[in-house]
Amino acid sequence: MAVPPAQKPRILVVDDERSLREMLSIVLGREGYEVTTAEDVGSAIEQIRRGPLPDLLISDLRMPDGSGVDVLRALKERSPSSVGLLLTAFASADTAVEAMRLGAVDYLTKPFDVADLKQRVARYLEAKRLAETQVAPPEGRKGQGFVLAGRSRQILDVISLVARVARTDASVLITGESGTGKEWTAREIHQQSTRQVQPFVAVNCGAFTESILESELFGHMKGSFTGAVDTKKGLLESADRGTLFLDEVGETSLGMQVKLLRVLQERRFRRVGGTQELEADVRFIAATNRHLEEMVKSGAFREDFFFRINVISVRLPALRERAEDIPILAEQFLRRFAERMGRPVQTIAPETMRLLVSYRWPGNVRELENVMERGVALEQTAELLPDSLPPHLAETSASASAPAAVDAIPAAGFNLETHLQQIERMHLERALKQAGGVQVKAADLLGITFRQFRYLAKKYQLK
């Protein structure tokens, strides 16, 4: 689909192959983009220096006078919001990590499918536009602005869906494991909605008994029960014309589900002990880490209530499902905590990043945030080293990097070279540990020469 002239993004294509530059210029130009080209690193950086700055960089990785990473670095210095897509016939895990740290959104191996490239370009530019137009969430929230950051297809799809549903008043059900950022996503929907200047009120449904939750939501009249010494306004009234977020909605009782269903259907409610009906002009967003469909089948959750809150479903992927986003998230957390604490750490060491990427993150983004906060607090140098991470991280990462079964390959695919390197490193570390740190013995355990083991140990920076 062609891009409207008023929203015409700029793309810079850098490659030493003239035929590829011309082909991409024609293909992307037909899509409605403003395309400029450069034949080497030097002329690309000169274009960036002169401006106007591109929204997206598509660059070959290896060129006679330098690397596409050099071009990306120059672009990010001038325009941090710009994104880069690197193309290469020589895949390298270390370069991919470096590219992602600098803000590359993808890393494709030549030859590539042009139709697939066009789809990716459109998706990345749309995600960039949405990120630039988002209203900032309230100050003081841990992890704000980070949950929906990344380059993975999964998180880009979530960003796009959030932008589409935000402008409606439809009820939204956000699902995902603990720590994936369900409440932050609910706040983001609110901030992008027409209700953004009105209250966002959150309640944890699992934190109260049914009677207390009813009083919290609907309010109560003076004398309606023991201890009700005054009339109290409920959260529904507090959220008037705004958004009510029902966190852990799967923990609500069947009786409470009936009462909430009536509010959703009629947009009216009564305070506990009251007779006057009050209007509920609120947008409902609910969240849960439970499988509500299974609860409906077992009778633990009302089917009619489920359908009312699940008009639009937003599923947040677990962090292990979008491992390519970990370097981006980790770098953002590093900068935030270093600035907040006044710490000297500025970058993440390659071996530290490998541990972060290979770890399974059962606590998801929240756990990554906590690990980075701990690391920044403990690190004494300008580079975050593995010793500043929790000890269990390296142990768990090693055991989790075992070969994946054929049927465990994700739908989006994965980088085979990186996967094999992780397996190789894992066995080297295990052999070295079993040999008590003696490299000659470790080499014998693996059936390789000492010289080979020494080379691999240096390659993976093993201690």
Protein backbone atom coordinates (compact mmCIF):
# COMPACT_ATOMS: atom_id res chain seq x y z
CA MET A 1 0.00 0.00 0.00
CA ALA A 2 1.41 3.36 -1.02
CA VAL A 3 2.21 5.88 1.71
CA PRO A 4 0.21 9.16 1.66
CA PRO A 5 2.42 12.16 0.65
CA ALA A 6 1.84 13.89 4.01
CA GLN A 7 3.31 10.89 5.79
CA LYS A 8 6.15 10.15 3.38
CA PRO A 9 9.00 8.60 5.40
CA ARG A 10 12.61 8.96 4.23
CA ILE A 11 14.76 5.87 3.62
CA LEU A 12 18.52 5.83 3.06
CA VAL A 13 19.84 2.76 1.17
CA VAL A 14 23.59 2.12 1.50
CA ASP A 15 25.25 -0.66 -0.52
CA ASP A 16 28.33 -0.98 -2.73
CA GLU A 17 26.30 -2.99 -5.26
CA ARG A 18 24.77 -0.56 -7.74
CA SER A 19 22.14 -3.04 -8.91
CA LEU A 20 20.85 -3.55 -5.35
CA ARG A 21 20.70 0.21 -4.70
CA GLU A 22 18.74 0.78 -7.89
CA MET A 23 16.38 -2.12 -7.23
CA LEU A 24 15.54 -0.99 -3.68
CA SER A 25 15.19 2.62 -4.81
CA ILE A 26 12.60 1.60 -7.41
CA VAL A 27 10.75 -0.91 -5.21
CA LEU A 28 10.53 1.33 -2.15
CA GLY A 29 9.83 4.42 -4.25
CA ARG A 30 6.78 2.68 -5.67
CA GLU A 31 5.60 2.13 -2.11
CA GLY A 32 5.53 5.89 -1.61
CA TYR A 33 8.77 6.35 0.34
CA GLU A 34 11.35 9.05 -0.32
CA VAL A 35 14.49 7.03 -1.10
CA THR A 36 18.09 8.25 -1.32
CA THR A 37 21.14 6.04 -1.87
CA ALA A 38 24.84 5.94 -1.05
CA GLU A 39 27.54 3.64 -2.44
CA ASP A 40 29.81 3.52 0.61
CA VAL A 41 30.08 4.36 4.30
CA GLY A 42 31.76 7.71 3.77
CA SER A 43 29.14 9.13 1.43
CA ALA A 44 26.33 7.76 3.63
CA ILE A 45 27.70 9.49 6.72
CA GLU A 46 28.13 12.68 4.69
CA GLN A 47 24.45 12.51 3.68
CA ILE A 48 23.49 12.05 7.32
CA ARG A 49 25.65 15.03 8.30
CA ARG A 50 24.05 17.27 5.65
CA GLY A 51 20.47 16.06 6.21
CA PRO A 52 17.58 15.68 5.97
CA LEU A 53 17.85 12.68 8.26
CA PRO A 54 16.29 9.38 7.17
CA ASP A 55 13.60 7.64 9.22
CA LEU A 56 14.97 4.25 8.21
CA LEU A 57 18.45 3.12 7.20
CA ILE A 58 18.86 0.03 4.99
CA SER A 59 22.56 -0.72 4.81
CA ASP A 60 24.90 -3.47 3.73
CA LEU A 61 27.00 -4.68 6.64
CA ARG A 62 30.37 -5.03 4.91
CA MET A 63 31.61 -2.37 2.50
CA PRO A 64 35.12 -1.51 1.28
CA ASP A 65 35.49 1.55 3.50
CA GLY A 66 33.73 0.34 6.65
CA SER A 67 30.64 -1.25 8.14
CA GLY A 68 26.92 -0.59 8.09
CA VAL A 69 27.19 -0.45 11.87
CA ASP A 70 29.32 2.69 11.43
CA VAL A 71 26.55 4.29 9.39
CA LEU A 72 23.93 3.26 11.94
CA ARG A 73 26.02 4.69 14.76
CA ALA A 74 26.36 8.03 12.93
CA LEU A 75 22.61 8.11 12.29
CA LYS A 76 21.69 7.33 15.92
CA GLU A 77 23.96 10.14 17.13
CA ARG A 78 22.00 12.65 15.05
CA SER A 79 18.55 11.02 15.24
CA PRO A 80 18.03 8.55 18.13
CA SER A 81 14.50 7.71 16.94
CA SER A 82 15.65 6.58 13.49
CA VAL A 83 15.90 2.85 12.93
CA GLY A 84 18.22 0.65 10.90
CA LEU A 85 17.94 -2.56 8.89
CA LEU A 86 21.22 -4.31 8.09
CA LEU A 87 21.75 -6.62 5.12
CA THR A 88 24.64 -9.03 4.77
CA ALA A 89 25.81 -12.24 3.18
CA PHE A 90 28.01 -12.91 6.22
CA ALA A 91 25.90 -13.41 9.35
CA SER A 92 27.65 -12.72 12.66
CA ALA A 93 26.07 -13.06 16.10
CA ASP A 94 28.39 -10.51 17.68
CA THR A 95 27.67 -7.93 14.99
CA ALA A 96 23.94 -8.58 15.32
CA VAL A 97 24.09 -7.85 19.04
CA GLU A 98 26.07 -4.67 18.41
CA ALA A 99 23.60 -3.60 15.72
CA MET A 100 20.62 -4.16 18.02
CA ARG A 101 22.32 -2.23 20.80
CA LEU A 102 22.60 0.69 18.40
CA GLY A 103 18.94 0.48 17.45
CA ALA A 104 18.81 -1.79 14.40
CA VAL A 105 15.35 -3.23 14.02
CA ASP A 106 16.39 -6.19 11.91
CA TYR A 107 19.30 -8.14 10.53
CA LEU A 108 18.67 -9.94 7.22
CA THR A 109 20.91 -12.28 5.24
CA LYS A 110 21.23 -11.90 1.48
CA PRO A 111 19.53 -12.96 -0.70
CA PHE A 112 16.26 -11.75 0.81
CA ASP A 113 12.65 -11.81 -0.30
CA VAL A 114 11.63 -8.36 -1.57
CA ALA A 115 7.97 -8.76 -0.60
CA ASP A 116 9.02 -9.72 2.93
CA LEU A 117 11.39 -6.73 3.09
CA LYS A 118 8.59 -4.34 2.06
CA GLN A 119 6.33 -5.71 4.80
CA ARG A 120 9.06 -5.33 7.40
CA VAL A 121 9.87 -1.78 6.32
CA ALA A 122 6.21 -0.79 6.55
CA ARG A 123 5.90 -2.38 10.00
CA TYR A 124 9.07 -0.78 11.38
CA LEU A 125 8.18 2.69 10.12
CA GLU A 126 4.65 2.39 11.51
CA ALA A 127 6.02 1.33 14.90
CA LYS A 128 8.43 4.30 14.82
CA ARG A 129 5.56 6.68 14.01
CA LEU A 130 3.43 5.29 16.81
CA ALA A 131 6.31 5.54 19.29
CA GLU A 132 6.83 9.21 18.38
CA THR A 133 3.13 10.09 18.76
CA GLN A 134 2.52 8.23 22.03
CA VAL A 135 1.60 10.31 25.06
CA ALA A 136 4.05 9.69 27.89
CA PRO A 137 2.69 7.65 30.81
CA PRO A 138 2.53 9.08 34.32
CA GLU A 139 5.85 9.72 36.04
CA GLY A 140 7.13 7.49 38.78
CA ARG A 141 6.16 4.08 37.35
CA LYS A 142 8.82 1.39 37.29
CA GLY A 143 9.52 0.22 33.76
CA GLN A 144 7.54 3.00 32.11
CA GLY A 145 8.20 3.24 28.41
CA PHE A 146 10.12 -0.03 28.29
CA VAL A 147 7.57 -2.85 28.18
CA LEU A 148 6.59 -2.20 24.57
CA ALA A 149 10.12 -1.46 23.35
CA GLY A 150 11.79 -3.82 20.90
CA ARG A 151 12.19 -4.98 17.31
CA SER A 152 10.53 -8.41 17.42
CA ARG A 153 7.51 -9.16 15.30
CA GLN A 154 5.56 -10.07 18.45
CA ILE A 155 6.05 -6.72 20.20
CA LEU A 156 5.62 -4.67 17.01
CA ASP A 157 2.26 -6.40 16.51
CA VAL A 158 1.27 -5.51 20.09
CA ILE A 159 2.27 -1.87 19.58
CA SER A 160 0.18 -1.71 16.42
CA LEU A 161 -2.83 -3.35 18.10
CA VAL A 162 -2.63 -1.03 21.12
CA ALA A 163 -2.68 2.00 18.82
CA ARG A 164 -5.72 0.68 16.94
CA VAL A 165 -7.83 -0.21 19.98
CA ALA A 166 -6.91 2.83 22.08
CA ARG A 167 -9.20 5.21 20.20
CA THR A 168 -12.23 2.98 20.72
CA ASP A 169 -14.23 2.47 23.92
CA ALA A 170 -14.34 -1.30 23.53
CA SER A 171 -13.50 -3.44 26.55
CA VAL A 172 -10.00 -4.93 26.38
CA LEU A 173 -8.65 -8.10 27.98
CA ILE A 174 -4.85 -8.16 28.38
CA THR A 175 -3.35 -11.60 28.94
CA GLY A 176 0.19 -12.74 29.61
CA GLU A 177 2.50 -14.16 32.23
CA SER A 178 3.35 -12.26 35.39
CA GLY A 179 5.90 -9.53 34.73
CA THR A 180 5.10 -9.02 31.04
CA GLY A 181 3.69 -5.53 31.70
CA LYS A 182 -0.08 -5.87 31.64
CA GLU A 183 -0.81 -2.83 33.79
CA TRP A 184 1.65 -0.66 31.89
CA THR A 185 0.00 -1.72 28.62
CA ALA A 186 -3.40 -0.81 30.07
CA ARG A 187 -2.04 2.62 30.99
CA GLU A 188 -0.63 2.99 27.48
CA ILE A 189 -4.06 2.24 25.97
CA HIS A 190 -5.55 4.87 28.27
CA GLN A 191 -2.86 7.43 27.38
CA GLN A 192 -3.51 6.98 23.66
CA SER A 193 -7.30 7.14 24.06
CA THR A 194 -9.68 10.09 23.97
CA ARG A 195 -10.00 9.68 27.77
CA GLN A 196 -6.31 10.40 28.38
CA VAL A 197 -6.91 13.56 30.44
CA GLN A 198 -9.39 11.71 32.67
CA PRO A 199 -8.52 9.35 35.58
CA PHE A 200 -6.91 5.93 35.16
CA VAL A 201 -7.97 3.86 38.17
CA ALA A 202 -6.46 0.42 38.84
CA VAL A 203 -7.69 -2.23 41.26
CA ASN A 204 -6.14 -5.63 42.00
CA CYS A 205 -9.13 -7.95 42.15
CA GLY A 206 -7.12 -10.67 43.84
CA ALA A 207 -6.14 -8.48 46.79
CA PHE A 208 -9.63 -8.26 48.37
CA THR A 209 -12.40 -10.51 49.59
CA GLU A 210 -15.64 -10.29 47.64
CA SER A 211 -17.35 -7.97 50.14
CA ILE A 212 -14.38 -5.61 50.40
CA LEU A 213 -13.92 -5.57 46.61
CA GLU A 214 -17.60 -4.70 46.17
CA SER A 215 -17.23 -1.76 48.56
CA GLU A 216 -14.02 -0.63 46.85
CA LEU A 217 -15.57 -0.71 43.39
CA PHE A 218 -19.11 0.52 44.04
CA GLY A 219 -18.65 2.51 47.25
CA HIS A 220 -21.00 2.25 50.22
CA MET A 221 -23.54 4.23 52.18
CA LYS A 222 -23.08 5.25 55.79
CA GLY A 223 -24.26 2.47 58.11
CA SER A 224 -24.58 -0.11 55.31
CA PHE A 225 -22.37 -2.52 57.29
CA THR A 226 -20.35 -2.58 60.50
CA GLY A 227 -17.56 -0.07 60.21
CA ALA A 228 -19.22 2.02 57.49
CA VAL A 229 -19.11 5.23 59.49
CA ASP A 230 -19.27 7.47 56.41
CA THR A 231 -20.58 7.32 52.87
CA LYS A 232 -17.71 6.37 50.57
CA LYS A 233 -17.32 6.94 46.85
CA GLY A 234 -16.15 3.82 44.98
CA LEU A 235 -13.53 3.40 42.29
CA LEU A 236 -16.17 3.35 39.57
CA GLU A 237 -17.11 6.92 40.50
CA SER A 238 -13.46 7.90 40.81
CA ALA A 239 -12.87 6.66 37.25
CA ASP A 240 -15.78 8.67 35.83
CA ARG A 241 -15.15 9.45 32.12
CA GLY A 242 -11.79 7.68 32.42
CA THR A 243 -10.55 4.09 32.51
CA LEU A 244 -11.06 1.37 35.14
CA PHE A 245 -8.39 -1.31 35.10
CA LEU A 246 -9.39 -4.64 36.65
CA ASP A 247 -6.10 -6.41 37.31
CA GLU A 248 -6.15 -10.16 38.05
CA VAL A 249 -9.78 -10.32 36.96
CA GLY A 250 -9.53 -14.12 37.00
CA GLU A 251 -9.51 -13.97 40.80
CA THR A 252 -13.01 -12.46 41.07
CA SER A 253 -15.80 -14.60 42.52
CA LEU A 254 -18.81 -15.68 40.48
CA GLY A 255 -20.98 -13.34 42.54
CA MET A 256 -18.76 -10.36 41.81
CA GLN A 257 -18.70 -11.29 38.12
CA VAL A 258 -22.52 -11.00 38.05
CA LYS A 259 -22.36 -7.51 39.56
CA LEU A 260 -19.64 -6.36 37.18
CA LEU A 261 -21.51 -7.84 34.23
CA ARG A 262 -24.50 -5.64 35.04
CA VAL A 263 -22.28 -2.56 35.04
CA LEU A 264 -20.80 -3.55 31.69
CA GLN A 265 -24.24 -4.14 30.19
CA GLU A 266 -26.22 -1.24 31.65
CA ARG A 267 -23.46 1.21 32.59
CA ARG A 268 -25.22 1.77 35.90
CA PHE A 269 -24.59 0.64 39.51
CA ARG A 270 -25.59 1.22 43.13
CA ARG A 271 -23.41 1.81 46.14
CA VAL A 272 -23.50 -0.90 48.79
CA GLY A 273 -26.55 -0.20 50.92
CA GLY A 274 -27.81 2.45 48.49
CA THR A 275 -30.92 2.69 46.33
CA GLN A 276 -29.94 5.43 43.89
CA GLU A 277 -28.56 4.28 40.56
CA LEU A 278 -25.40 6.01 39.38
CA GLU A 279 -24.02 6.10 35.85
CA ALA A 280 -20.71 4.44 35.00
CA ASP A 281 -19.12 6.33 32.14
CA VAL A 282 -15.87 4.35 32.17
CA ARG A 283 -13.80 2.31 29.76
CA PHE A 284 -13.06 -1.20 31.12
CA ILE A 285 -9.68 -2.86 30.69
CA ALA A 286 -9.07 -6.19 32.43
CA ALA A 287 -5.94 -8.31 32.78
CA THR A 288 -5.08 -11.82 33.92
CA ASN A 289 -2.30 -14.37 33.83
CA ARG A 290 -4.82 -17.21 34.04
CA HIS A 291 -6.45 -19.17 31.20
CA LEU A 292 -9.99 -17.82 31.37
CA GLU A 293 -11.24 -20.08 28.57
CA GLU A 294 -10.37 -23.14 30.67
CA MET A 295 -11.98 -21.53 33.72
CA VAL A 296 -15.15 -20.97 31.68
CA LYS A 297 -15.21 -24.65 30.71
CA SER A 298 -14.78 -25.71 34.33
CA GLY A 299 -17.46 -23.30 35.56
CA ALA A 300 -15.04 -21.16 37.58
CA PHE A 301 -15.62 -18.13 35.36
CA ARG A 302 -18.87 -16.91 33.83
CA GLU A 303 -19.02 -17.21 30.05
CA ASP A 304 -21.18 -14.10 29.60
CA PHE A 305 -18.80 -12.01 31.71
CA PHE A 306 -15.82 -13.39 29.78
CA PHE A 307 -17.29 -12.32 26.45
CA ARG A 308 -18.12 -8.85 27.83
CA ILE A 309 -14.56 -8.12 28.97
CA ASN A 310 -12.94 -9.86 26.00
CA VAL A 311 -14.25 -7.71 23.18
CA ILE A 312 -10.63 -7.09 22.14
CA SER A 313 -7.82 -9.37 23.32
CA VAL A 314 -4.21 -8.23 23.67
CA ARG A 315 -1.72 -10.99 24.45
CA LEU A 316 1.67 -9.90 25.78
CA PRO A 317 4.44 -12.32 24.79
CA ALA A 318 6.79 -13.71 27.41
CA LEU A 319 10.27 -12.21 27.24
CA ARG A 320 11.75 -15.57 26.20
CA GLU A 321 9.48 -15.45 23.13
CA ARG A 322 11.08 -12.18 21.99
CA ALA A 323 14.71 -12.70 22.95
CA GLU A 324 15.85 -10.30 20.21
CA ASP A 325 14.33 -7.49 22.29
CA ILE A 326 16.48 -8.23 25.35
CA PRO A 327 19.54 -6.16 24.22
CA ILE A 328 17.30 -3.16 23.54
CA LEU A 329 15.47 -3.44 26.86
CA ALA A 330 18.66 -4.08 28.80
CA GLU A 331 20.39 -1.02 27.31
CA GLN A 332 17.39 1.18 28.11
CA PHE A 333 17.22 -0.04 31.71
CA LEU A 334 21.00 0.46 32.03
CA ARG A 335 20.81 4.09 30.94
CA ARG A 336 17.82 4.83 33.17
CA PHE A 337 19.30 3.33 36.33
CA ALA A 338 22.79 4.74 35.70
CA GLU A 339 21.33 8.22 35.39
CA ARG A 340 19.07 7.79 38.42
CA MET A 341 21.84 6.40 40.67
CA GLY A 342 24.68 8.49 39.27
CA ARG A 343 26.68 5.33 38.50
CA PRO A 344 29.64 5.17 36.05
CA VAL A 345 28.42 2.16 34.04
CA GLN A 346 27.69 3.09 30.42
CA THR A 347 27.71 -0.12 28.36
CA ILE A 348 27.06 -3.84 28.69
CA ALA A 349 30.00 -6.17 28.15
CA PRO A 350 29.51 -8.72 25.29
CA GLU A 351 29.75 -11.70 27.67
CA THR A 352 27.18 -10.06 29.95
CA MET A 353 24.83 -9.53 27.02
CA ARG A 354 25.19 -13.17 26.00
CA LEU A 355 24.10 -14.23 29.48
CA LEU A 356 21.11 -11.88 29.37
CA VAL A 357 20.01 -13.11 25.95
CA SER A 358 20.37 -16.82 26.76
CA TYR A 359 18.57 -16.65 30.14
CA ARG A 360 14.92 -17.79 30.11
CA TRP A 361 13.50 -14.91 32.23
CA PRO A 362 10.65 -16.60 34.13
CA GLY A 363 9.86 -13.19 35.66
CA ASN A 364 9.84 -11.54 32.23
CA VAL A 365 10.45 -7.78 31.79
CA ARG A 366 10.00 -7.09 35.50
CA GLU A 367 12.78 -9.56 36.32
CA LEU A 368 15.07 -8.06 33.66
CA GLU A 369 14.43 -4.62 35.13
CA ASN A 370 15.33 -5.81 38.63
CA VAL A 371 18.49 -7.57 37.38
CA MET A 372 19.65 -4.45 35.56
CA GLU A 373 18.94 -2.28 38.61
CA ARG A 374 21.04 -4.63 40.76
CA GLY A 375 23.83 -4.74 38.16
CA VAL A 376 24.07 -0.97 37.84
CA ALA A 377 24.09 -0.57 41.63
CA LEU A 378 26.97 -3.06 42.07
CA GLU A 379 29.13 -2.32 39.01
CA GLN A 380 32.19 -0.16 39.70
CA THR A 381 33.43 0.21 36.10
CA ALA A 382 32.08 1.81 32.93
CA GLU A 383 31.09 -1.62 31.58
CA LEU A 384 28.51 -3.95 33.13
CA LEU A 385 30.38 -7.21 33.76
CA PRO A 386 28.92 -10.69 34.45
CA ASP A 387 30.06 -10.59 38.09
CA SER A 388 27.51 -7.85 38.77
CA LEU A 389 24.63 -10.11 37.70
CA PRO A 390 22.88 -12.51 40.11
CA PRO A 391 24.89 -15.78 40.33
CA HIS A 392 21.94 -17.93 39.28
CA LEU A 393 21.74 -16.14 35.92
CA ALA A 394 24.86 -17.77 34.44
CA GLU A 395 23.96 -21.20 35.85
CA THR A 396 20.42 -21.14 34.56
CA SER A 397 21.46 -19.68 31.20
CA ALA A 398 23.92 -22.53 30.67
CA SER A 399 21.35 -25.23 31.40
CA ALA A 400 18.67 -23.49 29.34
CA SER A 401 20.81 -23.33 26.21
CA ALA A 402 20.50 -27.05 25.48
CA PRO A 403 19.58 -27.97 21.89
CA ALA A 404 15.94 -27.31 21.05
CA ALA A 405 13.81 -30.11 19.70
CA VAL A 406 12.72 -29.85 16.08
CA ASP A 407 9.13 -29.18 17.12
CA ALA A 408 10.30 -26.39 19.44
CA ILE A 409 11.44 -24.08 16.62
CA PRO A 410 9.39 -20.87 16.99
CA ALA A 411 7.01 -19.91 14.20
CA ALA A 412 9.08 -16.80 13.46
CA GLY A 413 12.23 -18.93 13.14
CA PHE A 414 15.57 -18.30 14.85
CA ASN A 415 19.24 -17.63 14.11
CA LEU A 416 20.86 -21.05 13.63
CA GLU A 417 24.42 -19.72 13.90
CA THR A 418 23.72 -18.04 17.23
CA HIS A 419 21.95 -21.16 18.50
CA LEU A 420 24.89 -23.42 17.60
CA GLN A 421 27.35 -21.02 19.20
CA GLN A 422 25.30 -21.09 22.40
CA ILE A 423 25.42 -24.90 22.40
CA GLU A 424 29.17 -24.89 21.78
CA ARG A 425 29.78 -22.40 24.58
CA MET A 426 27.56 -24.38 26.96
CA HIS A 427 29.56 -27.59 26.45
CA LEU A 428 32.86 -25.74 26.79
CA GLU A 429 31.76 -24.25 30.12
CA ARG A 430 30.45 -27.59 31.41
CA ALA A 431 33.63 -29.41 30.42
CA LEU A 432 35.79 -26.75 32.04
CA LYS A 433 33.75 -26.92 35.24
CA GLN A 434 33.88 -30.73 35.31
CA ALA A 435 37.65 -30.61 34.73
CA GLY A 436 38.13 -28.27 37.67
CA GLY A 437 39.29 -25.45 35.41
CA VAL A 438 42.07 -27.50 33.78
CA GLN A 439 41.83 -26.84 30.05
CA VAL A 440 43.79 -29.93 28.99
CA LYS A 441 41.31 -32.19 30.82
CA ALA A 442 38.36 -30.22 29.47
CA ALA A 443 39.68 -30.68 25.93
CA ASP A 444 39.97 -34.45 26.51
CA LEU A 445 36.36 -34.56 27.76
CA LEU A 446 35.21 -32.94 24.52
CA GLY A 447 37.46 -35.01 22.25
CA ILE A 448 39.35 -32.00 20.88
CA THR A 449 42.96 -30.86 21.10
CA PHE A 450 44.17 -28.46 23.77
CA ARG A 451 44.98 -25.97 21.00
CA GLN A 452 41.39 -26.14 19.75
CA PHE A 453 40.01 -25.71 23.26
CA ARG A 454 42.27 -22.75 23.93
CA TYR A 455 41.11 -21.07 20.71
CA LEU A 456 37.43 -21.62 21.55
CA ALA A 457 37.92 -20.47 25.15
CA LYS A 458 39.44 -17.24 23.86
CA LYS A 459 36.66 -16.85 21.29
CA TYR A 460 33.95 -17.11 23.97
CA GLN A 461 36.00 -15.25 26.60
CA LEU A 462 35.77 -18.10 29.10
CA LYS A 463 37.51 -17.72 32.42
